[in-house]
Amino acid sequence: MELQVINGSKLELSEDVFAKDFNEPLVHQAVVTYLAGGRAGTKAQKNRSAVSGGGIKPWRQKGTGRARAGTIRSPLWRSGGVTFAAKNRDYTKKMNKKMYRGAMRSIFSELLRSERLLAVEAFGIEEPKTKALLSKLDELAGTVDVLLLVDTVDRNLELSARNLHKCEVATASSVNPVSLIAHEKVIATQAAIEKIQEWLS
């Protein structure tokens, strides 16, 4: 199968990578795994054993007329510990490399089928100007909601794109399923597509 490169020749694509059926459960699992891996999970509270103080019994057991108390750090007391305290959590999920690559193949195949994947010989900006990038995106894709997939990140391109909240720049080695799905169009350089084919074949 072939993909027409804008202002260039046709690019030969591997059917093992770009002609797969869309496997929705597998893609969903890849997206959930990626998003879960980005969660910090640093929420924490102190229970009665972690709160400082409270080593002595506040008053004697009997004869005061007050309720029994063993520590001032009881959850019933002001500035005491939390009854069911939250602890740091690791939200990461495990996904086999074979399954992850299968999900990526499924996404790239669907992008090609729905004509959301555009190929260019190279993509670069001569100077860091957002206006220049906007005009280029309008010419190629007709939208700003674009993922730019390049072989190596150009500093000028990175600076030009960072002020556009719907535009994202990623390398072929760092691309993730969430970015591929989130954007309306994916503009990939010829070198990036070749690198992806090599990775997913």
Protein backbone atom coordinates (compact mmCIF):
# COMPACT_ATOMS: atom_id res chain seq x y z
CA MET A 1 0.00 0.00 0.00
CA GLU A 2 1.07 3.59 -0.67
CA LEU A 3 0.62 7.00 0.91
CA GLN A 4 0.87 10.18 -1.13
CA VAL A 5 3.48 12.54 0.30
CA ILE A 6 2.40 16.20 -0.01
CA ASN A 7 4.53 17.89 -2.71
CA GLY A 8 6.52 14.68 -3.10
CA SER A 9 6.54 11.08 -4.28
CA LYS A 10 4.49 8.19 -2.92
CA LEU A 11 5.61 6.45 0.25
CA GLU A 12 5.47 2.66 0.48
CA LEU A 13 3.66 1.54 3.65
CA SER A 14 3.71 -1.83 5.36
CA GLU A 15 0.33 -3.58 5.53
CA ASP A 16 1.38 -5.13 8.86
CA VAL A 17 1.42 -1.64 10.38
CA PHE A 18 -1.09 0.46 8.41
CA ALA A 19 -3.75 -2.08 7.36
CA LYS A 20 -4.97 -3.47 10.67
CA ASP A 21 -8.58 -3.55 11.90
CA PHE A 22 -9.51 -1.08 14.62
CA ASN A 23 -9.37 -2.97 17.91
CA GLU A 24 -11.30 -0.65 20.25
CA PRO A 25 -10.83 -2.64 23.52
CA LEU A 26 -7.07 -2.86 22.95
CA VAL A 27 -6.78 0.85 22.10
CA HIS A 28 -8.86 1.73 25.17
CA GLN A 29 -6.53 -0.36 27.35
CA ALA A 30 -3.47 1.40 25.89
CA VAL A 31 -4.98 4.84 26.53
CA VAL A 32 -5.99 3.98 30.12
CA THR A 33 -2.52 2.52 30.81
CA TYR A 34 -0.78 5.62 29.45
CA LEU A 35 -2.99 8.05 31.42
CA ALA A 36 -2.68 5.99 34.62
CA GLY A 37 1.11 6.08 34.32
CA GLY A 38 1.01 9.87 34.38
CA ARG A 39 -0.86 10.11 37.69
CA ALA A 40 1.24 11.30 40.63
CA GLY A 41 -0.68 9.48 43.36
CA THR A 42 0.97 11.63 46.03
CA LYS A 43 -2.15 12.31 48.14
CA ALA A 44 -1.41 11.48 51.78
CA GLN A 45 -2.92 12.06 55.22
CA LYS A 46 -1.75 11.17 58.73
CA ASN A 47 -3.47 8.52 60.81
CA ARG A 48 -3.35 8.46 64.62
CA SER A 49 0.03 6.71 64.67
CA ALA A 50 1.63 9.25 62.32
CA VAL A 51 0.46 12.42 64.14
CA SER A 52 3.05 13.75 66.60
CA GLY A 53 2.36 13.87 70.35
CA GLY A 54 -0.21 11.98 72.37
CA GLY A 55 2.23 9.76 74.21
CA ILE A 56 0.63 10.29 77.61
CA LYS A 57 -2.90 9.53 78.73
CA PRO A 58 -4.70 12.95 78.98
CA TRP A 59 -6.37 12.14 82.33
CA ARG A 60 -6.87 9.14 84.56
CA GLN A 61 -9.30 6.43 83.57
CA LYS A 62 -11.83 6.88 86.38
CA GLY A 63 -13.14 9.49 88.75
CA THR A 64 -13.08 12.62 86.57
CA GLY A 65 -16.62 12.35 85.20
CA ARG A 66 -15.29 12.72 81.65
CA ALA A 67 -15.24 10.08 78.92
CA ARG A 68 -12.31 7.69 78.80
CA ALA A 69 -9.38 8.94 76.70
CA GLY A 70 -6.06 7.27 75.93
CA THR A 71 -4.48 9.81 73.60
CA ILE A 72 -5.04 13.35 72.39
CA ARG A 73 -4.32 12.13 68.82
CA SER A 74 -7.55 10.14 68.58
CA PRO A 75 -9.55 10.80 65.36
CA LEU A 76 -12.35 12.07 67.62
CA TRP A 77 -10.19 14.91 68.87
CA ARG A 78 -9.39 18.22 67.22
CA SER A 79 -5.95 17.99 65.47
CA GLY A 80 -6.06 14.21 65.86
CA GLY A 81 -5.29 11.67 63.15
CA VAL A 82 -7.57 10.86 60.21
CA THR A 83 -9.65 7.69 60.69
CA PHE A 84 -9.11 6.18 57.24
CA ALA A 85 -6.08 8.15 56.10
CA ALA A 86 -5.22 8.30 52.39
CA LYS A 87 -1.82 6.91 51.46
CA ASN A 88 0.49 7.35 48.45
CA ARG A 89 -0.68 5.17 45.58
CA ASP A 90 0.95 3.79 42.48
CA TYR A 91 -1.63 3.96 39.68
CA THR A 92 0.55 2.40 36.97
CA LYS A 93 -0.94 -0.48 35.03
CA LYS A 94 0.95 -3.21 33.25
CA MET A 95 0.56 -3.71 29.52
CA ASN A 96 2.68 -6.08 27.47
CA LYS A 97 4.87 -4.53 24.73
CA LYS A 98 3.21 -6.78 22.13
CA MET A 99 -0.25 -5.49 23.11
CA TYR A 100 0.94 -1.86 23.17
CA ARG A 101 2.44 -2.16 19.68
CA GLY A 102 -0.78 -3.82 18.50
CA ALA A 103 -2.79 -0.86 19.82
CA MET A 104 -0.45 1.62 18.05
CA ARG A 105 -0.80 -0.31 14.76
CA SER A 106 -4.57 -0.19 15.16
CA ILE A 107 -4.51 3.59 15.75
CA PHE A 108 -2.22 4.33 12.78
CA SER A 109 -4.35 2.10 10.51
CA GLU A 110 -7.51 3.96 11.54
CA LEU A 111 -5.83 7.35 11.03
CA LEU A 112 -4.88 6.33 7.49
CA ARG A 113 -8.37 4.95 6.73
CA SER A 114 -10.10 8.09 7.95
CA GLU A 115 -7.64 10.30 6.00
CA ARG A 116 -6.41 11.99 9.18
CA LEU A 117 -2.77 11.02 8.54
CA LEU A 118 -0.86 13.37 6.21
CA ALA A 119 2.71 12.82 5.07
CA VAL A 120 5.28 15.49 4.17
CA GLU A 121 8.90 15.16 3.06
CA ALA A 122 10.08 17.43 5.90
CA PHE A 123 8.56 19.92 8.31
CA GLY A 124 10.52 22.83 9.67
CA ILE A 125 10.28 26.52 10.51
CA GLU A 126 13.08 28.92 9.53
CA GLU A 127 12.53 31.14 12.57
CA PRO A 128 10.47 30.71 15.77
CA LYS A 129 7.26 32.43 14.64
CA THR A 130 3.81 31.15 15.59
CA LYS A 131 2.28 33.09 12.68
CA ALA A 132 4.51 31.23 10.20
CA LEU A 133 3.49 27.88 11.66
CA LEU A 134 -0.20 28.83 11.58
CA SER A 135 -0.08 29.65 7.88
CA LYS A 136 1.76 26.40 7.17
CA LEU A 137 -0.77 24.32 9.11
CA ASP A 138 -3.66 26.07 7.37
CA GLU A 139 -2.11 25.29 4.01
CA LEU A 140 -1.45 21.61 4.78
CA ALA A 141 -4.30 20.55 7.09
CA GLY A 142 -6.79 23.42 7.18
CA THR A 143 -6.84 23.26 10.99
CA VAL A 144 -4.67 24.09 14.01
CA ASP A 145 -5.74 20.93 15.88
CA VAL A 146 -2.70 19.00 14.64
CA LEU A 147 -0.11 16.57 15.96
CA LEU A 148 3.23 17.18 14.24
CA LEU A 149 5.15 13.92 14.10
CA VAL A 150 8.82 14.48 13.28
CA ASP A 151 12.02 12.44 13.32
CA THR A 152 13.93 14.88 15.54
CA VAL A 153 12.51 17.98 17.23
CA ASP A 154 13.55 21.28 15.70
CA ARG A 155 13.92 24.05 18.32
CA ASN A 156 12.26 26.64 16.07
CA LEU A 157 9.31 24.32 15.50
CA GLU A 158 8.99 23.62 19.23
CA LEU A 159 8.96 27.34 20.09
CA SER A 160 6.49 28.14 17.32
CA ALA A 161 4.03 25.46 18.43
CA ARG A 162 4.07 25.89 22.19
CA ASN A 163 1.77 28.93 22.09
CA LEU A 164 -0.91 26.95 20.21
CA HIS A 165 -2.78 24.86 22.78
CA LYS A 166 -4.29 22.55 20.14
CA CYS A 167 -1.01 21.95 18.32
CA GLU A 168 1.49 19.40 19.63
CA VAL A 169 4.96 18.35 18.46
CA ALA A 170 6.20 14.80 19.08
CA THR A 171 9.01 12.60 17.81
CA ALA A 172 8.46 9.15 16.32
CA SER A 173 10.19 7.59 19.34
CA SER A 174 8.09 9.44 21.95
CA VAL A 175 4.62 9.42 20.36
CA ASN A 176 1.81 8.10 22.57
CA PRO A 177 -1.72 6.77 21.89
CA VAL A 178 -3.47 9.69 23.64
CA SER A 179 -1.83 12.33 21.39
CA LEU A 180 -2.60 10.34 18.24
CA ILE A 181 -6.30 10.05 19.12
CA ALA A 182 -6.77 13.55 20.57
CA HIS A 183 -5.94 15.59 17.46
CA GLU A 184 -8.00 16.14 14.33
CA LYS A 185 -5.03 15.61 11.97
CA VAL A 186 -1.59 14.03 12.23
CA ILE A 187 1.13 15.48 9.99
CA ALA A 188 4.12 13.14 9.87
CA THR A 189 7.44 13.56 8.09
CA GLN A 190 8.68 10.81 5.78
CA ALA A 191 11.55 9.99 8.15
CA ALA A 192 9.14 9.72 11.12
CA ILE A 193 6.85 7.30 9.25
CA GLU A 194 9.83 5.14 8.28
CA LYS A 195 10.96 5.06 11.92
CA ILE A 196 7.44 4.10 13.09
CA GLN A 197 7.27 1.33 10.49
CA GLU A 198 10.61 -0.01 11.67
CA TRP A 199 9.39 0.04 15.30
CA LEU A 200 5.98 -1.55 14.69
CA SER A 201 6.95 -4.12 12.03
